[in-house]
Amino acid sequence: MNYKTMLHSNPHLWPGKCASTLGIMRVFMPMLIIFGLALLLANAAETATTASPAPAGSAPPVSGAAKDLPIDPFQQNARLGRGINIRRMEELGESHYRAIKDAGFQHIRIPLFPFKYMKSKSGFDIQPVFFSQLDTAVRCALAHDLMVTLDLHEHKEMRKDPVGTQGKFLAAWRQIAPHCKDYPSQVVFEIANEPPMSPELWNALYPQALKIIRASNPSRTVLVGAPVRGCHIPYLKDLRLPENDRNLIATVHYYDPFAFTHQGVAFSEHFKDVSGVNWSGTEQEKKAITEAFDFAQKWSEEHHCPINMGEFGTGSKGAMEERIRWTSFVVRQMEARHWSWSFFEFDQPDFGIYDKASGKWLGGIRDTLLTDMFGTK
């Protein structure tokens, strides 16, 4: 309330009715003192809670809840919500993070490729430039209120020698995990993308990585993929979860039918020369999806472990109308089961839905992704 408003609403303070200036001061002085004290307290609180800008190459400061408080993985999964995969963290600028956030996405999945930055002669030490790029990417995402999945994306290298690359794989987490220990809870780890190995190998390897992570990140939410190449839903049955660590989210990928989603895709060995495959949304086609998702949902309920769909999408060679139809059905089925998801992909040549050159989203898939089952955004 300003001076004029107070005078108008309190006629006894009008000059003609005041005994003296002292009378006015007696009324206003307590209010001025209270206002001054409130201002001082607000400034003090702001100083105490506002972190200084992080120097280049350092991890972003912790924000939000204390790091060591227990985190419910189902709540984290709900916070992840709707996300999108990016191709390489060093290729994105601030405008791209803003575009992703403005579109309505809630998180990004960042693939990490530490192997190429390793110095094998010095115990697989990762070069500093990798961590500088990582910190920049995470800081940009958090600044735009996007959660982050850090996904160790070395499946192609590990596929060549699943046993021989285990040393590099564990060495990567020995360095990445402690470097990221002060990241806020809005950052989650994914142990490995599409583990390219047998269930026996994966169930023996990933607990070692998880133990390394927990040494410096005891309350970090961690995503664990289904074993065998592709992270396919049926292989959830072979994933063994630890009894003493349940701050985990199971992650799977879905591209069925591959002949439709991967037709004409350059990197697809089996479908790069395929074209003209349709997805009409018949009851039989829909049933194939719902049965797969029902299987995953049943597994989730039996193991009390939330589900994240880390990748799904359609290649650009398919008919746009049918790509939208498939995407809409898949997304609505996931969200009906309360899964989080990360669409593949932001700007990848075959699957991307964003054109960096024009700064525009392509086709109608973005709107399909971010429209709920009631037809609203």
Protein backbone atom coordinates (compact mmCIF):
# COMPACT_ATOMS: atom_id res chain seq x y z
CA MET A 1 0.00 0.00 0.00
CA ASN A 2 1.52 3.36 -1.03
CA TYR A 3 1.35 6.68 0.76
CA LYS A 4 -1.58 8.09 -1.25
CA THR A 5 -3.63 4.92 -0.95
CA MET A 6 -3.13 4.81 2.80
CA LEU A 7 -4.18 8.42 3.22
CA HIS A 8 -7.24 7.90 1.09
CA SER A 9 -8.34 4.81 2.98
CA ASN A 10 -7.59 6.36 6.39
CA PRO A 11 -9.28 9.83 6.59
CA HIS A 12 -8.02 10.32 10.14
CA LEU A 13 -4.53 10.76 8.66
CA TRP A 14 -5.52 13.63 6.37
CA PRO A 15 -3.49 16.79 7.15
CA GLY A 16 -6.54 18.71 8.21
CA LYS A 17 -7.41 16.07 10.77
CA CYS A 18 -3.93 15.28 12.07
CA ALA A 19 -2.86 16.85 15.30
CA SER A 20 0.69 17.18 14.00
CA THR A 21 3.37 15.78 11.77
CA LEU A 22 4.43 13.68 14.76
CA GLY A 23 1.10 11.90 14.62
CA ILE A 24 1.76 10.82 11.08
CA MET A 25 5.26 9.66 11.93
CA ARG A 26 3.94 7.54 14.79
CA VAL A 27 1.76 5.67 12.33
CA PHE A 28 4.30 5.27 9.53
CA MET A 29 7.49 4.63 11.48
CA PRO A 30 6.67 1.02 12.56
CA MET A 31 5.74 0.16 8.99
CA LEU A 32 8.99 1.63 7.64
CA ILE A 33 11.03 -0.33 10.18
CA ILE A 34 9.27 -3.59 9.30
CA PHE A 35 9.74 -2.96 5.58
CA GLY A 36 13.44 -2.22 6.07
CA LEU A 37 14.00 -5.38 8.09
CA ALA A 38 12.20 -7.49 5.47
CA LEU A 39 14.37 -6.02 2.73
CA LEU A 40 17.56 -6.79 4.65
CA LEU A 41 16.47 -10.39 5.30
CA ALA A 42 15.59 -10.91 1.63
CA ASN A 43 18.99 -9.65 0.50
CA ALA A 44 20.73 -11.89 3.01
CA ALA A 45 18.80 -14.95 1.86
CA GLU A 46 19.59 -14.22 -1.76
CA THR A 47 23.28 -13.89 -1.00
CA ALA A 48 23.28 -17.16 0.94
CA THR A 49 21.48 -19.22 -1.71
CA THR A 50 22.89 -17.83 -4.94
CA ALA A 51 26.00 -19.70 -6.06
CA SER A 52 28.83 -17.97 -7.82
CA PRO A 53 29.21 -18.81 -11.51
CA ALA A 54 31.19 -22.02 -11.98
CA PRO A 55 34.57 -21.59 -13.64
CA ALA A 56 35.05 -23.15 -17.05
CA GLY A 57 35.68 -26.88 -16.86
CA SER A 58 34.23 -27.36 -13.38
CA ALA A 59 31.07 -29.21 -12.46
CA PRO A 60 27.86 -27.17 -12.05
CA PRO A 61 27.03 -26.41 -8.41
CA VAL A 62 24.43 -28.44 -6.58
CA SER A 63 20.94 -26.98 -6.68
CA GLY A 64 17.72 -28.21 -5.13
CA ALA A 65 17.54 -30.98 -2.53
CA ALA A 66 20.54 -32.23 -0.60
CA LYS A 67 22.57 -34.79 -2.52
CA ASP A 68 22.41 -37.55 0.07
CA LEU A 69 18.67 -37.55 0.68
CA PRO A 70 16.91 -40.73 -0.54
CA ILE A 71 15.29 -40.29 -3.93
CA ASP A 72 12.29 -42.29 -5.06
CA PRO A 73 12.99 -43.63 -8.58
CA PHE A 74 9.30 -43.47 -9.53
CA GLN A 75 9.25 -39.77 -8.67
CA GLN A 76 12.45 -39.26 -10.66
CA ASN A 77 10.91 -41.09 -13.60
CA ALA A 78 7.90 -38.80 -13.46
CA ARG A 79 10.22 -35.76 -13.39
CA LEU A 80 12.07 -37.04 -16.45
CA GLY A 81 8.78 -37.20 -18.30
CA ARG A 82 9.13 -36.36 -22.00
CA GLY A 83 12.64 -36.11 -23.41
CA ILE A 84 14.70 -36.18 -26.58
CA ASN A 85 18.06 -37.68 -27.58
CA ILE A 86 20.83 -35.45 -28.88
CA ARG A 87 23.66 -36.63 -31.11
CA ARG A 88 26.81 -35.12 -29.60
CA MET A 89 27.06 -32.70 -26.70
CA GLU A 90 29.79 -30.63 -28.36
CA GLU A 91 27.50 -29.90 -31.34
CA LEU A 92 24.76 -28.09 -29.39
CA GLY A 93 24.64 -24.39 -28.59
CA GLU A 94 22.56 -22.43 -26.14
CA SER A 95 19.86 -21.78 -28.76
CA HIS A 96 19.33 -25.52 -29.23
CA TYR A 97 18.72 -26.13 -25.52
CA ARG A 98 16.29 -23.24 -25.54
CA ALA A 99 14.47 -24.69 -28.56
CA ILE A 100 14.15 -28.06 -26.84
CA LYS A 101 12.78 -26.49 -23.67
CA ASP A 102 10.44 -24.10 -25.50
CA ALA A 103 9.04 -27.02 -27.48
CA GLY A 104 7.91 -28.61 -24.23
CA PHE A 105 10.47 -31.35 -23.57
CA GLN A 106 11.47 -32.02 -19.96
CA HIS A 107 14.85 -33.72 -20.34
CA ILE A 108 17.60 -34.52 -22.79
CA ARG A 109 19.57 -37.74 -23.15
CA ILE A 110 23.23 -36.93 -23.72
CA PRO A 111 25.41 -39.70 -25.21
CA LEU A 112 28.92 -39.89 -23.81
CA PHE A 113 31.84 -41.19 -25.90
CA PRO A 114 34.79 -41.21 -23.47
CA PHE A 115 36.80 -43.97 -25.16
CA LYS A 116 38.18 -41.69 -27.86
CA TYR A 117 39.42 -39.28 -25.18
CA MET A 118 41.30 -41.99 -23.26
CA LYS A 119 45.06 -42.30 -23.03
CA SER A 120 45.62 -46.05 -22.90
CA LYS A 121 49.26 -45.71 -21.79
CA SER A 122 48.24 -43.90 -18.62
CA GLY A 123 45.53 -46.19 -17.28
CA PHE A 124 42.77 -44.98 -19.60
CA ASP A 125 42.86 -41.41 -18.29
CA ILE A 126 40.21 -39.26 -19.97
CA GLN A 127 41.48 -36.00 -21.44
CA PRO A 128 40.27 -32.77 -19.76
CA VAL A 129 38.49 -31.53 -22.90
CA PHE A 130 35.89 -34.27 -22.45
CA PHE A 131 34.95 -33.02 -18.99
CA SER A 132 34.92 -29.42 -20.16
CA GLN A 133 32.40 -30.33 -22.87
CA LEU A 134 30.39 -32.36 -20.39
CA ASP A 135 30.17 -29.54 -17.85
CA THR A 136 29.14 -27.06 -20.53
CA ALA A 137 26.38 -29.34 -21.81
CA VAL A 138 25.00 -30.09 -18.35
CA ARG A 139 25.17 -26.45 -17.29
CA CYS A 140 23.26 -25.36 -20.42
CA ALA A 141 20.59 -28.00 -19.92
CA LEU A 142 20.06 -27.16 -16.27
CA ALA A 143 19.97 -23.44 -17.07
CA HIS A 144 17.00 -24.18 -19.33
CA ASP A 145 15.27 -26.30 -16.69
CA LEU A 146 15.94 -29.56 -18.50
CA MET A 147 16.79 -32.76 -16.64
CA VAL A 148 19.71 -34.73 -18.04
CA THR A 149 20.41 -38.40 -18.68
CA LEU A 150 24.15 -39.02 -19.08
CA ASP A 151 24.35 -42.16 -21.20
CA LEU A 152 27.64 -44.00 -21.68
CA HIS A 153 27.17 -44.65 -25.40
CA GLU A 154 30.08 -46.90 -26.33
CA HIS A 155 28.04 -49.91 -27.50
CA LYS A 156 29.67 -50.00 -30.94
CA GLU A 157 33.15 -50.31 -29.49
CA MET A 158 32.05 -52.75 -26.79
CA ARG A 159 30.24 -54.92 -29.36
CA LYS A 160 33.57 -55.67 -31.06
CA ASP A 161 34.97 -57.16 -27.86
CA PRO A 162 32.50 -57.29 -24.94
CA VAL A 163 35.09 -58.81 -22.61
CA GLY A 164 38.21 -56.95 -23.74
CA THR A 165 36.59 -53.51 -23.42
CA GLN A 166 35.39 -53.99 -19.85
CA GLY A 167 38.53 -52.36 -18.45
CA LYS A 168 37.94 -49.18 -20.47
CA PHE A 169 34.25 -49.24 -19.57
CA LEU A 170 34.87 -49.40 -15.82
CA ALA A 171 37.74 -46.90 -16.09
CA ALA A 172 35.32 -44.46 -17.71
CA TRP A 173 32.91 -44.63 -14.77
CA ARG A 174 35.79 -44.37 -12.26
CA GLN A 175 36.45 -40.91 -13.70
CA ILE A 176 33.00 -39.72 -14.80
CA ALA A 177 31.17 -40.57 -11.58
CA PRO A 178 33.40 -38.61 -9.15
CA HIS A 179 33.64 -35.71 -11.57
CA CYS A 180 29.83 -35.48 -11.58
CA LYS A 181 29.27 -36.08 -7.87
CA ASP A 182 28.16 -32.50 -7.24
CA TYR A 183 25.66 -32.41 -10.07
CA PRO A 184 22.11 -31.95 -8.73
CA SER A 185 19.52 -34.72 -8.66
CA GLN A 186 18.17 -33.46 -12.00
CA VAL A 187 21.07 -35.37 -13.57
CA VAL A 188 20.78 -39.15 -13.81
CA PHE A 189 23.28 -41.72 -15.07
CA GLU A 190 22.70 -44.48 -17.63
CA ILE A 191 25.31 -47.20 -17.16
CA ALA A 192 25.48 -48.22 -20.83
CA ASN A 193 23.52 -47.80 -24.03
CA GLU A 194 22.18 -51.05 -25.49
CA PRO A 195 24.58 -53.40 -23.63
CA PRO A 196 26.00 -55.51 -26.48
CA MET A 197 26.56 -58.70 -24.54
CA SER A 198 24.88 -61.78 -23.12
CA PRO A 199 22.72 -61.55 -20.00
CA GLU A 200 25.40 -63.43 -18.06
CA LEU A 201 28.11 -60.93 -18.98
CA TRP A 202 25.91 -57.89 -18.40
CA ASN A 203 24.57 -59.07 -15.04
CA ALA A 204 28.17 -59.55 -13.91
CA LEU A 205 29.50 -56.28 -15.37
CA TYR A 206 26.93 -53.59 -14.61
CA PRO A 207 26.95 -54.19 -10.80
CA GLN A 208 30.67 -53.40 -10.87
CA ALA A 209 29.95 -50.08 -12.59
CA LEU A 210 27.10 -49.39 -10.17
CA LYS A 211 29.42 -49.99 -7.21
CA ILE A 212 31.90 -47.50 -8.68
CA ILE A 213 29.11 -44.94 -9.14
CA ARG A 214 27.78 -45.38 -5.62
CA ALA A 215 31.19 -44.66 -4.10
CA SER A 216 30.84 -40.99 -5.09
CA ASN A 217 27.12 -40.74 -5.96
CA PRO A 218 25.27 -42.66 -3.23
CA SER A 219 21.86 -41.16 -4.04
CA ARG A 220 22.14 -40.69 -7.81
CA THR A 221 19.30 -42.25 -9.82
CA VAL A 222 20.78 -44.73 -12.29
CA LEU A 223 19.28 -46.22 -15.45
CA VAL A 224 20.07 -49.85 -16.26
CA GLY A 225 19.41 -51.24 -19.72
CA ALA A 226 18.04 -54.62 -20.66
CA PRO A 227 20.86 -56.94 -21.78
CA VAL A 228 21.64 -58.10 -25.32
CA ARG A 229 22.06 -55.81 -28.32
CA GLY A 230 19.25 -53.31 -28.83
CA CYS A 231 17.88 -53.04 -25.28
CA HIS A 232 14.76 -54.83 -26.49
CA ILE A 233 11.80 -55.23 -24.14
CA PRO A 234 11.73 -59.07 -24.09
CA TYR A 235 15.20 -59.14 -22.52
CA LEU A 236 13.94 -57.44 -19.38
CA LYS A 237 13.27 -60.95 -18.14
CA ASP A 238 17.04 -61.55 -18.08
CA LEU A 239 17.95 -58.40 -16.14
CA ARG A 240 18.90 -59.11 -12.53
CA LEU A 241 18.40 -56.20 -10.13
CA PRO A 242 20.39 -55.85 -6.88
CA GLU A 243 18.40 -56.22 -3.69
CA ASN A 244 20.38 -53.56 -1.82
CA ASP A 245 20.05 -50.75 -4.39
CA ARG A 246 16.64 -49.81 -5.71
CA ASN A 247 17.29 -46.24 -6.84
CA LEU A 248 17.23 -47.64 -10.36
CA ILE A 249 15.15 -47.20 -13.50
CA ALA A 250 15.05 -49.92 -16.15
CA THR A 251 15.49 -48.58 -19.66
CA VAL A 252 14.43 -50.19 -22.93
CA HIS A 253 14.26 -49.20 -26.62
CA TYR A 254 11.45 -49.74 -29.11
CA TYR A 255 11.57 -49.60 -32.93
CA ASP A 256 9.18 -52.37 -33.94
CA PRO A 257 8.43 -53.10 -36.68
CA PHE A 258 12.01 -52.40 -37.77
CA ALA A 259 11.15 -52.74 -41.45
CA PHE A 260 8.91 -49.70 -41.03
CA THR A 261 10.95 -47.55 -38.62
CA HIS A 262 14.33 -48.24 -40.26
CA GLN A 263 13.41 -48.35 -43.95
CA GLY A 264 15.99 -46.46 -45.98
CA VAL A 265 18.08 -45.61 -42.91
CA ALA A 266 21.70 -45.33 -44.03
CA PHE A 267 23.26 -47.00 -40.97
CA SER A 268 20.82 -49.93 -40.94
CA GLU A 269 22.56 -52.99 -42.34
CA HIS A 270 19.32 -54.85 -43.00
CA PHE A 271 16.91 -52.09 -44.01
CA LYS A 272 18.95 -49.37 -45.75
CA ASP A 273 17.68 -50.54 -49.15
CA VAL A 274 14.09 -51.13 -48.04
CA SER A 275 11.27 -48.73 -48.95
CA GLY A 276 7.50 -48.53 -49.14
CA VAL A 277 6.79 -50.26 -45.81
CA ASN A 278 3.55 -49.01 -44.23
CA TRP A 279 2.13 -48.76 -40.74
CA SER A 280 -1.61 -48.26 -41.03
CA GLY A 281 -2.56 -48.62 -37.37
CA THR A 282 -4.56 -51.80 -37.79
CA GLU A 283 -5.75 -53.66 -34.71
CA GLN A 284 -3.09 -56.30 -35.31
CA GLU A 285 -0.34 -53.68 -35.58
CA LYS A 286 -1.51 -51.95 -32.41
CA LYS A 287 -1.79 -55.27 -30.58
CA ALA A 288 1.88 -56.00 -31.23
CA ILE A 289 2.79 -52.78 -29.44
CA THR A 290 0.38 -53.12 -26.52
CA GLU A 291 1.44 -56.70 -25.86
CA ALA A 292 5.12 -55.71 -25.72
CA PHE A 293 4.37 -52.77 -23.44
CA ASP A 294 2.10 -54.88 -21.22
CA PHE A 295 5.00 -57.32 -20.78
CA ALA A 296 7.30 -54.48 -19.70
CA GLN A 297 4.66 -53.04 -17.38
CA LYS A 298 4.10 -56.40 -15.71
CA TRP A 299 7.86 -56.76 -15.20
CA SER A 300 7.96 -53.24 -13.73
CA GLU A 301 5.21 -54.03 -11.23
CA GLU A 302 6.71 -57.37 -10.24
CA HIS A 303 10.15 -55.88 -9.66
CA HIS A 304 8.95 -52.51 -8.34
CA CYS A 305 11.15 -50.75 -10.87
CA PRO A 306 10.01 -47.88 -13.15
CA ILE A 307 10.41 -48.00 -16.92
CA ASN A 308 12.13 -45.49 -19.17
CA MET A 309 11.89 -45.73 -22.95
CA GLY A 310 15.36 -44.49 -23.83
CA GLU A 311 14.89 -44.56 -27.60
CA PHE A 312 12.05 -44.84 -30.10
CA GLY A 313 11.41 -43.17 -33.43
CA THR A 314 11.00 -43.56 -37.19
CA GLY A 315 13.37 -42.89 -40.06
CA SER A 316 12.71 -40.04 -42.44
CA LYS A 317 12.12 -42.29 -45.47
CA GLY A 318 8.72 -43.45 -44.20
CA ALA A 319 5.51 -41.60 -45.11
CA MET A 320 5.07 -38.69 -42.67
CA GLU A 321 1.40 -39.46 -42.06
CA GLU A 322 2.26 -43.01 -41.03
CA ARG A 323 5.25 -41.93 -38.95
CA ILE A 324 2.96 -39.58 -37.02
CA ARG A 325 0.38 -42.34 -36.60
CA TRP A 326 2.96 -44.78 -35.20
CA THR A 327 4.53 -42.15 -32.94
CA SER A 328 1.20 -41.03 -31.54
CA PHE A 329 0.13 -44.56 -30.65
CA VAL A 330 3.48 -45.46 -29.08
CA VAL A 331 3.62 -42.28 -26.97
CA ARG A 332 0.04 -42.55 -25.73
CA GLN A 333 0.65 -46.18 -24.72
CA MET A 334 3.81 -45.27 -22.80
CA GLU A 335 2.18 -42.37 -21.00
CA ALA A 336 -0.86 -44.45 -20.09
CA ARG A 337 1.62 -46.66 -18.19
CA HIS A 338 3.44 -43.66 -16.64
CA TRP A 339 6.77 -44.31 -18.33
CA SER A 340 9.30 -41.61 -19.06
CA TRP A 341 10.65 -41.48 -22.61
CA SER A 342 13.39 -40.02 -24.82
CA PHE A 343 12.52 -39.63 -28.48
CA PHE A 344 15.20 -40.47 -31.04
CA GLU A 345 16.29 -37.94 -32.23
CA PHE A 346 16.85 -34.16 -32.20
CA ASP A 347 18.93 -33.54 -35.34
CA GLN A 348 20.34 -36.91 -36.42
CA PRO A 349 20.24 -37.10 -40.28
CA ASP A 350 17.91 -40.12 -40.54
CA PHE A 351 15.69 -39.69 -37.48
CA GLY A 352 16.04 -36.01 -36.52
CA ILE A 353 13.05 -33.67 -36.31
CA TYR A 354 14.91 -30.36 -35.94
CA ASP A 355 16.77 -28.42 -38.64
CA LYS A 356 19.67 -26.48 -37.15
CA ALA A 357 20.20 -24.39 -40.27
CA SER A 358 16.68 -22.89 -40.19
CA GLY A 359 16.07 -23.29 -36.47
CA LYS A 360 12.76 -24.98 -37.20
CA TRP A 361 11.09 -28.25 -36.21
CA LEU A 362 10.32 -30.56 -39.12
CA GLY A 363 6.94 -32.07 -39.94
CA GLY A 364 4.31 -32.75 -37.31
CA ILE A 365 6.10 -35.26 -35.11
CA ARG A 366 7.09 -32.74 -32.44
CA ASP A 367 3.46 -31.75 -31.92
CA THR A 368 2.44 -35.40 -31.86
CA LEU A 369 5.03 -36.17 -29.19
CA LEU A 370 3.97 -33.32 -26.93
CA THR A 371 0.20 -33.64 -27.22
CA ASP A 372 -1.48 -35.72 -24.53
CA MET A 373 -4.15 -38.36 -25.02
CA PHE A 374 -6.84 -35.68 -24.69
CA GLY A 375 -5.46 -33.69 -27.62
CA THR A 376 -3.96 -30.86 -25.53
CA LYS A 377 -0.36 -29.78 -25.00
